N, C-alpha and C. Protein backbone atom coordinates (compact mmCIF):
# COMPACT_ATOMS: atom_id res chain seq x y z
N UNK A 1 81.38 99.33 148.37
CA UNK A 1 81.16 98.76 146.40
C UNK A 1 80.21 97.54 146.20
N UNK A 2 79.43 96.89 147.58
CA UNK A 2 78.04 96.53 147.26
C UNK A 2 76.98 97.13 146.44
N UNK A 3 77.09 98.10 147.21
CA UNK A 3 76.17 99.37 146.46
C UNK A 3 76.23 99.65 144.74
N UNK A 4 77.85 99.92 144.61
CA UNK A 4 78.04 100.59 143.24
C UNK A 4 77.58 99.48 142.26
N UNK A 5 77.75 97.86 142.70
CA UNK A 5 77.58 97.24 141.79
C UNK A 5 75.85 96.72 141.69
N UNK A 6 74.81 97.09 142.88
CA UNK A 6 73.88 97.01 142.58
C UNK A 6 73.24 97.88 141.76
N UNK A 7 73.60 99.70 141.94
CA UNK A 7 73.45 100.55 141.09
C UNK A 7 73.79 100.45 139.84
N UNK A 8 75.04 99.62 139.49
CA UNK A 8 75.19 99.47 138.10
C UNK A 8 74.46 97.90 137.23
N UNK A 9 74.25 97.27 138.17
CA UNK A 9 73.27 96.06 137.61
C UNK A 9 71.58 96.64 137.07
N UNK A 10 71.47 97.84 138.44
CA UNK A 10 69.69 98.51 138.16
C UNK A 10 70.30 99.19 136.48
N UNK A 11 71.23 100.10 136.56
CA UNK A 11 71.45 100.41 135.05
C UNK A 11 71.52 99.88 133.82
N UNK A 12 71.79 98.45 134.46
CA UNK A 12 71.72 97.73 133.06
C UNK A 12 70.33 97.16 132.70
N UNK A 13 69.49 97.21 133.86
CA UNK A 13 67.96 96.65 133.78
C UNK A 13 67.32 97.71 133.16
N UNK A 14 67.53 98.95 133.71
CA UNK A 14 66.80 99.78 132.90
C UNK A 14 67.62 100.60 131.62
N UNK A 15 68.77 100.27 131.32
CA UNK A 15 68.50 100.48 130.12
C UNK A 15 68.10 99.18 128.81
N UNK A 16 68.52 97.89 129.12
CA UNK A 16 67.10 96.65 128.55
C UNK A 16 65.60 97.44 128.57
N UNK A 17 65.12 97.88 129.80
CA UNK A 17 63.88 97.92 129.73
C UNK A 17 63.79 99.13 128.89
N UNK A 18 64.28 100.08 128.99
CA UNK A 18 64.26 101.16 127.65
C UNK A 18 64.30 100.90 126.16
N UNK A 19 65.27 100.00 125.82
CA UNK A 19 65.02 99.31 124.81
C UNK A 19 63.77 98.49 124.27
N UNK A 20 63.39 97.97 125.62
CA UNK A 20 62.28 96.64 125.41
C UNK A 20 61.17 97.42 124.73
N UNK A 21 61.04 98.42 125.60
CA UNK A 21 59.66 99.48 125.80
C UNK A 21 59.28 100.17 124.27
N UNK A 22 60.55 100.78 123.99
CA UNK A 22 60.55 101.08 123.14
C UNK A 22 60.47 100.72 121.29
N UNK A 23 60.89 99.52 121.66
CA UNK A 23 60.65 98.40 120.44
C UNK A 23 59.36 98.07 120.63
N UNK A 24 58.42 97.87 121.59
CA UNK A 24 57.24 97.54 121.42
C UNK A 24 56.23 98.54 121.03
N UNK A 25 56.90 99.84 121.76
CA UNK A 25 55.65 100.89 121.81
C UNK A 25 56.32 101.52 120.40
N UNK A 26 57.19 102.20 119.78
CA UNK A 26 58.15 102.80 119.02
C UNK A 26 57.19 104.28 119.53
N UNK A 27 57.49 104.50 120.43
CA UNK A 27 57.24 106.07 120.48
C UNK A 27 57.53 107.45 119.75
N UNK A 28 58.72 106.78 118.78
CA UNK A 28 59.05 108.02 117.86
C UNK A 28 59.86 107.58 116.91
N UNK A 29 60.01 108.02 115.85
CA UNK A 29 60.83 108.17 114.50
C UNK A 29 62.66 107.93 115.37
N UNK A 30 62.43 108.48 115.95
CA UNK A 30 63.93 109.30 116.20
C UNK A 30 64.52 107.88 116.86
N UNK A 31 63.89 107.02 117.21
CA UNK A 31 64.47 105.78 118.15
C UNK A 31 65.43 104.84 117.05
N UNK A 32 64.32 104.87 116.11
CA UNK A 32 64.87 104.07 114.57
C UNK A 32 66.06 104.32 114.36
N UNK A 33 66.59 105.73 114.86
CA UNK A 33 67.89 105.99 114.08
C UNK A 33 68.96 105.35 114.83
N UNK A 34 69.10 104.46 115.50
CA UNK A 34 69.90 103.98 116.35
C UNK A 34 70.25 102.03 115.69
N UNK A 35 69.20 101.94 114.80
CA UNK A 35 69.56 100.90 113.84
C UNK A 35 70.54 101.18 112.86
N UNK A 36 70.92 99.88 112.28
CA UNK A 36 72.00 99.74 111.27
C UNK A 36 70.83 100.95 110.09
N UNK A 37 71.75 101.25 108.82
CA UNK A 37 70.96 101.96 107.89
C UNK A 37 69.76 101.14 106.85
N UNK A 38 70.07 100.10 106.69
CA UNK A 38 69.68 99.11 106.08
C UNK A 38 68.04 98.61 106.62
N UNK A 39 68.65 98.63 107.75
CA UNK A 39 67.15 98.32 109.09
C UNK A 39 66.04 99.80 108.89
N UNK A 40 67.03 100.99 108.87
CA UNK A 40 66.25 102.39 108.79
C UNK A 40 65.43 102.16 107.57
N UNK A 41 66.06 101.87 106.66
CA UNK A 41 65.39 102.03 105.19
C UNK A 41 64.09 100.83 105.47
N UNK A 42 64.27 99.95 105.86
CA UNK A 42 63.29 98.62 105.47
C UNK A 42 62.03 99.51 106.42
N UNK A 43 62.58 99.74 107.79
CA UNK A 43 61.55 100.38 108.68
C UNK A 43 60.89 101.85 108.27
N UNK A 44 61.63 102.35 107.02
CA UNK A 44 60.92 103.39 106.86
C UNK A 44 59.30 103.63 106.55
N UNK A 45 58.72 103.02 105.48
CA UNK A 45 57.29 103.00 105.24
C UNK A 45 56.37 102.47 106.57
N UNK A 46 57.06 101.99 107.43
CA UNK A 46 56.51 101.66 108.53
C UNK A 46 55.96 102.87 109.18
N UNK A 47 57.33 103.36 109.73
CA UNK A 47 57.75 104.80 110.45
C UNK A 47 56.89 106.09 109.67
N UNK A 48 56.35 105.78 108.50
CA UNK A 48 56.23 107.40 108.08
C UNK A 48 54.83 107.12 108.23
N UNK A 49 54.21 105.91 108.46
CA UNK A 49 52.82 105.48 108.38
C UNK A 49 52.18 105.40 109.86
N UNK A 50 53.15 105.41 110.88
CA UNK A 50 52.63 105.65 112.11
C UNK A 50 51.64 106.64 112.65
N UNK A 51 50.74 106.25 113.27
CA UNK A 51 49.78 107.10 113.56
C UNK A 51 50.02 107.42 114.87
N UNK A 52 49.66 108.71 115.75
CA UNK A 52 50.01 108.71 117.04
C UNK A 52 48.79 108.01 117.97
N UNK A 53 48.92 107.31 118.38
CA UNK A 53 48.18 106.76 119.24
C UNK A 53 48.57 105.99 120.85
N UNK A 54 47.52 105.69 121.32
CA UNK A 54 47.86 105.45 123.05
C UNK A 54 48.58 104.54 123.08
N UNK A 55 49.30 103.50 122.57
CA UNK A 55 50.19 103.03 122.81
C UNK A 55 51.54 103.53 122.50
N UNK A 56 51.85 104.55 121.50
CA UNK A 56 52.94 105.67 121.45
C UNK A 56 53.01 106.33 122.40
N UNK A 57 51.66 107.25 122.95
CA UNK A 57 51.94 107.77 124.06
C UNK A 57 52.31 107.19 125.58
N UNK A 58 51.69 106.14 125.29
CA UNK A 58 52.06 105.28 126.52
C UNK A 58 53.37 104.77 126.47
N UNK A 59 54.10 104.42 125.30
CA UNK A 59 55.34 104.08 125.32
C UNK A 59 56.22 105.21 125.67
N UNK A 60 56.03 106.76 125.01
CA UNK A 60 56.40 107.89 125.72
C UNK A 60 56.87 108.23 127.10
N UNK A 61 55.71 107.72 127.61
CA UNK A 61 55.44 107.88 129.16
C UNK A 61 56.46 107.01 130.00
N UNK A 62 56.56 105.56 129.49
CA UNK A 62 57.35 104.84 129.62
C UNK A 62 58.55 105.14 130.00
N UNK A 63 58.98 105.43 128.72
CA UNK A 63 60.69 105.96 128.09
C UNK A 63 61.09 107.01 129.22
N UNK A 64 60.46 107.56 129.46
CA UNK A 64 60.47 109.20 130.01
C UNK A 64 60.65 108.97 131.50
N UNK A 65 59.90 108.06 132.26
CA UNK A 65 60.15 107.23 133.64
C UNK A 65 61.36 106.49 133.38
N UNK A 66 61.39 105.45 132.72
CA UNK A 66 63.16 104.95 132.43
C UNK A 66 64.31 106.03 132.70
N UNK A 67 63.82 106.92 131.65
CA UNK A 67 65.18 107.47 131.89
C UNK A 67 65.54 108.18 133.15
N UNK A 68 64.52 109.14 133.94
CA UNK A 68 64.34 109.60 134.80
C UNK A 68 64.76 108.68 135.86
N UNK A 69 64.67 107.37 135.86
CA UNK A 69 64.77 106.32 136.84
C UNK A 69 66.55 106.18 136.73
N UNK A 70 66.96 105.99 135.12
CA UNK A 70 68.71 105.40 134.91
C UNK A 70 69.30 107.09 135.92
N UNK A 71 68.83 107.69 135.48
CA UNK A 71 69.53 108.93 136.33
C UNK A 71 69.46 109.43 137.44
N UNK A 72 68.23 108.39 138.12
CA UNK A 72 68.14 108.41 139.83
C UNK A 72 68.95 107.66 140.08
N UNK A 73 70.01 106.74 139.23
CA UNK A 73 70.62 105.50 140.14
C UNK A 73 72.25 106.42 140.34
N UNK A 74 72.12 107.66 139.39
CA UNK A 74 73.34 108.18 139.86
C UNK A 74 73.07 109.10 141.23
N UNK A 75 71.95 109.76 141.02
CA UNK A 75 71.96 110.27 142.36
C UNK A 75 71.73 109.71 143.66
N UNK A 76 71.31 108.54 143.52
CA UNK A 76 71.20 107.48 144.72
C UNK A 76 72.76 107.04 144.99
N UNK A 77 73.49 106.25 144.35
CA UNK A 77 74.88 106.72 144.38
C UNK A 77 75.65 107.70 144.41
N UNK A 78 74.91 108.92 144.34
CA UNK A 78 75.94 110.26 144.62
C UNK A 78 75.43 110.65 146.36
N UNK A 79 73.91 110.06 146.49
CA UNK A 79 73.61 110.26 147.79
C UNK A 79 74.12 109.27 149.28
N UNK A 80 74.14 108.33 148.50
CA UNK A 80 74.68 107.13 149.40
C UNK A 80 76.47 107.72 149.51
N UNK A 81 76.98 108.20 148.81
CA UNK A 81 78.17 108.30 149.10
C UNK A 81 78.53 109.75 150.13
N UNK A 82 77.51 110.62 150.12
CA UNK A 82 77.67 111.64 151.19
C UNK A 82 77.03 110.79 152.31
N UNK A 83 76.23 110.02 152.08
CA UNK A 83 76.19 109.20 153.88
C UNK A 83 76.88 108.67 154.29
N UNK A 84 77.95 108.23 153.23
CA UNK A 84 79.24 107.09 153.60
C UNK A 84 80.69 108.09 153.85
N UNK A 85 80.49 109.84 153.51
CA UNK A 85 81.21 110.10 153.73
C UNK A 85 82.37 110.02 152.38
N UNK A 86 82.31 109.81 151.64
CA UNK A 86 83.35 109.39 150.27
C UNK A 86 84.58 110.50 150.16
N UNK A 87 85.31 110.41 149.33
CA UNK A 87 86.05 111.36 149.00
C UNK A 87 86.10 111.38 147.57
N UNK A 88 86.43 112.54 147.01
CA UNK A 88 86.15 112.64 145.27
C UNK A 88 86.74 111.51 144.77
N UNK A 89 87.79 110.82 145.22
CA UNK A 89 88.04 109.37 144.29
C UNK A 89 87.17 108.46 144.52
N UNK A 90 86.29 108.32 145.68
CA UNK A 90 85.55 107.25 145.97
C UNK A 90 84.19 107.34 144.86
N UNK A 91 84.08 108.56 144.83
CA UNK A 91 82.71 109.42 144.34
C UNK A 91 83.20 108.84 143.06
N UNK A 92 84.81 109.17 142.35
CA UNK A 92 84.79 108.88 140.67
C UNK A 92 84.95 107.90 140.74
N UNK A 93 85.41 106.90 141.43
CA UNK A 93 85.34 105.33 141.20
C UNK A 93 84.30 104.69 140.49
N UNK A 94 83.08 105.03 141.68
CA UNK A 94 81.77 104.45 141.75
C UNK A 94 81.04 105.07 140.48
N UNK A 95 81.53 106.53 140.16
CA UNK A 95 80.62 106.95 139.01
C UNK A 95 81.12 106.06 137.22
N UNK A 96 82.51 105.72 137.65
CA UNK A 96 83.15 105.31 136.33
C UNK A 96 82.60 103.75 136.26
N UNK A 97 83.28 103.37 137.43
CA UNK A 97 81.99 101.68 137.42
C UNK A 97 80.94 101.48 137.06
N UNK A 98 79.76 102.33 137.03
CA UNK A 98 78.39 102.41 137.43
C UNK A 98 78.48 102.75 135.76
N UNK A 99 79.11 104.08 134.94
CA UNK A 99 79.03 104.39 133.71
C UNK A 99 79.68 103.73 132.88
N UNK A 100 80.74 103.14 132.86
CA UNK A 100 81.64 102.15 131.91
C UNK A 100 80.81 100.58 131.79
N UNK A 101 80.14 100.60 133.22
CA UNK A 101 79.53 99.10 133.39
C UNK A 101 78.20 98.91 132.57
N UNK A 102 77.55 100.11 132.53
CA UNK A 102 76.27 99.97 131.59
C UNK A 102 76.68 100.33 130.39
N UNK A 103 77.85 100.99 129.95
CA UNK A 103 78.27 100.85 128.32
C UNK A 103 78.38 99.26 128.20
N UNK A 104 79.37 99.07 129.03
CA UNK A 104 80.16 97.20 128.68
C UNK A 104 78.85 96.24 127.88
N UNK A 105 77.60 96.34 129.48
CA UNK A 105 76.41 95.88 129.15
C UNK A 105 75.57 96.19 127.63
N UNK A 106 75.86 97.54 127.19
CA UNK A 106 75.09 98.22 125.87
C UNK A 106 76.25 97.30 124.66
N UNK A 107 77.09 97.42 124.95
CA UNK A 107 78.21 96.78 123.59
C UNK A 107 78.03 95.42 123.40
N UNK A 108 77.94 94.99 124.47
CA UNK A 108 78.23 93.62 124.52
C UNK A 108 76.74 92.53 124.69
N UNK A 109 75.93 93.19 125.77
CA UNK A 109 74.41 92.67 126.05
C UNK A 109 73.54 92.73 125.01
N UNK A 110 73.67 93.91 124.43
CA UNK A 110 72.49 94.74 123.54
C UNK A 110 73.22 94.51 121.96
N UNK A 111 74.24 95.13 121.68
CA UNK A 111 74.45 95.23 120.01
C UNK A 111 75.10 94.01 120.46
N UNK A 112 75.78 93.50 120.63
CA UNK A 112 76.38 92.04 120.15
C UNK A 112 75.47 90.76 120.45
N UNK A 113 74.85 90.43 121.34
CA UNK A 113 73.73 89.25 121.76
C UNK A 113 72.43 89.73 121.11
N UNK A 114 72.17 90.87 121.70
CA UNK A 114 70.38 91.31 121.20
C UNK A 114 70.28 91.50 119.44
N UNK A 115 71.48 92.70 119.34
CA UNK A 115 71.10 93.07 117.89
C UNK A 115 71.85 92.14 116.89
N UNK A 116 72.89 91.39 116.82
CA UNK A 116 73.06 90.55 116.07
C UNK A 116 73.09 88.97 116.24
N UNK A 117 72.40 88.51 117.44
CA UNK A 117 72.71 86.95 117.67
C UNK A 117 71.14 86.80 118.09
N UNK A 118 70.46 87.83 118.99
CA UNK A 118 69.23 87.21 119.38
C UNK A 118 67.83 86.98 118.09
N UNK A 119 68.03 87.80 117.07
CA UNK A 119 66.94 87.92 116.30
C UNK A 119 65.62 88.81 117.12
N UNK A 120 65.84 89.20 118.36
CA UNK A 120 64.75 89.97 118.98
C UNK A 120 64.01 91.00 117.91
N UNK A 121 64.69 92.24 117.25
CA UNK A 121 64.28 92.81 116.82
C UNK A 121 63.20 92.46 115.57
N UNK A 122 63.92 91.61 115.27
CA UNK A 122 63.30 90.99 113.56
C UNK A 122 61.62 90.68 114.54
N UNK A 123 61.54 90.08 115.61
CA UNK A 123 60.06 89.45 115.87
C UNK A 123 59.01 90.75 116.17
N UNK A 124 59.89 92.01 116.17
CA UNK A 124 58.88 92.84 116.37
C UNK A 124 58.92 93.55 115.41
N UNK A 125 59.78 93.64 113.79
CA UNK A 125 59.88 93.98 113.09
C UNK A 125 60.44 93.27 112.21
N UNK A 126 58.96 92.18 111.47
CA UNK A 126 59.09 91.52 110.56
C UNK A 126 59.97 92.19 108.93
N UNK A 127 59.57 92.82 108.70
CA UNK A 127 59.90 93.71 107.52
C UNK A 127 60.94 94.02 107.45
N UNK A 128 61.87 93.83 108.46
CA UNK A 128 63.41 93.92 108.63
C UNK A 128 64.33 92.27 108.93
N UNK A 129 63.67 91.66 108.48
CA UNK A 129 64.04 90.38 108.27
C UNK A 129 64.90 90.25 106.83
N UNK A 130 66.16 89.92 107.00
CA UNK A 130 67.16 89.92 105.92
C UNK A 130 68.05 90.97 105.83
N UNK A 131 67.94 91.73 106.80
CA UNK A 131 68.60 93.01 106.39
C UNK A 131 70.29 92.69 106.86
N UNK A 132 70.82 92.90 106.34
CA UNK A 132 72.84 92.94 106.76
C UNK A 132 73.17 93.50 108.08
N UNK A 133 72.09 94.89 107.91
CA UNK A 133 72.68 95.32 109.17
C UNK A 133 72.72 94.40 110.79
N UNK A 134 71.76 93.43 110.82
CA UNK A 134 71.32 92.88 111.69
C UNK A 134 72.34 91.72 112.44
N UNK A 135 73.47 91.60 111.39
CA UNK A 135 74.76 91.07 111.75
C UNK A 135 75.73 91.82 111.52
N UNK A 136 75.93 93.21 111.35
CA UNK A 136 77.02 94.09 111.55
C UNK A 136 77.05 94.76 112.78
N UNK A 137 77.48 93.73 113.68
CA UNK A 137 78.62 94.36 115.14
C UNK A 137 79.64 95.44 115.01
N UNK A 138 79.43 96.35 115.29
CA UNK A 138 80.00 97.71 115.23
C UNK A 138 79.46 98.77 114.54
N UNK A 139 78.77 98.45 113.90
CA UNK A 139 78.26 99.32 113.16
C UNK A 139 77.83 100.83 113.48
N UNK A 140 78.14 100.94 114.70
CA UNK A 140 77.53 102.30 115.45
C UNK A 140 78.80 102.89 116.50
N UNK A 141 80.07 102.29 115.67
CA UNK A 141 81.57 102.40 116.47
C UNK A 141 81.61 104.04 116.98
N UNK A 142 81.24 105.14 115.92
CA UNK A 142 81.34 106.39 116.31
C UNK A 142 80.53 106.81 117.29
N UNK A 143 79.12 106.34 117.59
CA UNK A 143 78.23 106.95 118.23
C UNK A 143 78.62 106.15 119.84
N UNK A 144 79.30 105.24 119.83
CA UNK A 144 80.07 104.14 121.18
C UNK A 144 80.69 105.07 121.35
N UNK A 145 81.87 105.27 120.88
CA UNK A 145 83.21 106.03 121.41
C UNK A 145 82.73 107.19 121.43
N UNK A 146 81.41 107.94 121.27
CA UNK A 146 81.64 109.30 121.46
C UNK A 146 80.73 109.44 122.57
N UNK A 147 79.96 108.52 123.09
CA UNK A 147 79.11 108.26 124.69
C UNK A 147 80.28 107.77 125.69
N UNK A 148 81.21 106.85 125.46
CA UNK A 148 82.74 106.46 126.20
C UNK A 148 83.44 107.93 126.68
N UNK A 149 83.31 108.59 125.35
CA UNK A 149 84.31 110.01 126.03
C UNK A 149 83.54 111.12 127.08
N UNK A 150 82.26 110.92 126.28
CA UNK A 150 81.57 111.68 126.88
C UNK A 150 81.24 111.41 128.74
N UNK A 151 80.76 109.91 128.84
CA UNK A 151 81.31 109.53 130.24
C UNK A 151 82.01 109.74 130.91
N UNK A 152 83.61 109.42 130.52
CA UNK A 152 84.94 109.82 130.84
C UNK A 152 84.86 111.44 131.59
N UNK A 153 83.73 111.99 130.35
CA UNK A 153 84.41 113.38 131.15
C UNK A 153 83.26 113.86 132.40
N UNK A 154 81.77 113.23 132.10
CA UNK A 154 80.77 113.85 133.19
C UNK A 154 81.04 112.96 134.35
N UNK A 155 81.59 111.62 134.30
CA UNK A 155 81.93 111.23 135.60
C UNK A 155 82.88 111.82 136.75
N UNK A 156 83.79 112.32 136.21
CA UNK A 156 84.70 113.34 137.14
C UNK A 156 83.68 114.63 137.61
N UNK A 157 82.98 115.28 136.64
CA UNK A 157 82.15 116.10 137.01
C UNK A 157 81.12 116.03 138.02
N UNK A 158 80.34 114.38 137.80
CA UNK A 158 79.32 114.39 139.06
C UNK A 158 79.87 114.15 140.19
N UNK A 159 81.35 113.44 140.35
CA UNK A 159 82.13 113.12 141.59
C UNK A 159 82.40 114.52 141.94
N UNK A 160 82.65 115.48 141.66
CA UNK A 160 83.35 117.08 141.99
C UNK A 160 81.47 117.61 142.37
N UNK A 161 80.95 117.34 141.62
CA UNK A 161 79.20 117.81 142.31
C UNK A 161 79.00 117.57 143.87
N UNK A 162 79.18 116.00 143.70
CA UNK A 162 78.69 115.39 145.21
C UNK A 162 79.33 115.44 146.10
N UNK A 163 80.99 115.66 145.83
CA UNK A 163 81.86 116.27 146.40
C UNK A 163 81.60 117.68 147.28
N UNK A 164 81.09 118.11 146.21
CA UNK A 164 81.31 119.85 146.87
C UNK A 164 79.71 120.04 147.59
N UNK A 165 78.49 118.90 147.25
CA UNK A 165 77.44 119.36 147.87
C UNK A 165 77.82 118.72 149.25
N UNK A 166 78.46 118.06 149.47
CA UNK A 166 78.81 116.97 150.93
C UNK A 166 79.56 117.87 151.45
N UNK A 167 80.79 119.17 151.16
CA UNK A 167 81.17 119.83 151.79
C UNK A 167 82.57 119.39 152.30
N UNK A 168 83.30 118.37 151.21
CA UNK A 168 84.42 117.77 152.03
C UNK A 168 85.75 118.93 151.16
């Protein structure tokens, strides 16, 4: 259980680092699509004039490394399970705890506190100051719900994959 908790916290930290690095370097216009609509509109002039710079390239490379590391925590969880003779149910519980733990952090820590309470993004994007979207907790409910459903489908598949590889 300790490994599961450590991997879940690592996933939370990696998600936070992804958000922070993407905010600081803005490697892609696509990342702004995660913001509320009025914030996207306020950012549009800036995003349309973004030149391809070294900062953006480095930001994209950092983001790729962080995404791979995020995927890696699930692989580490699977390998640890193989080394500890996990049953299918053990794998499933581990992957569900990891997935939904990170999702809870995303919703509570990032969407609620970071987005609506901290004024974090306004420091990096001053042109969005005063946008009502920064106060709209839950503006992305459909996206969050889709992700929750996908996690509920992928966790059993990942558990099955590692259980099968382990030869149980």
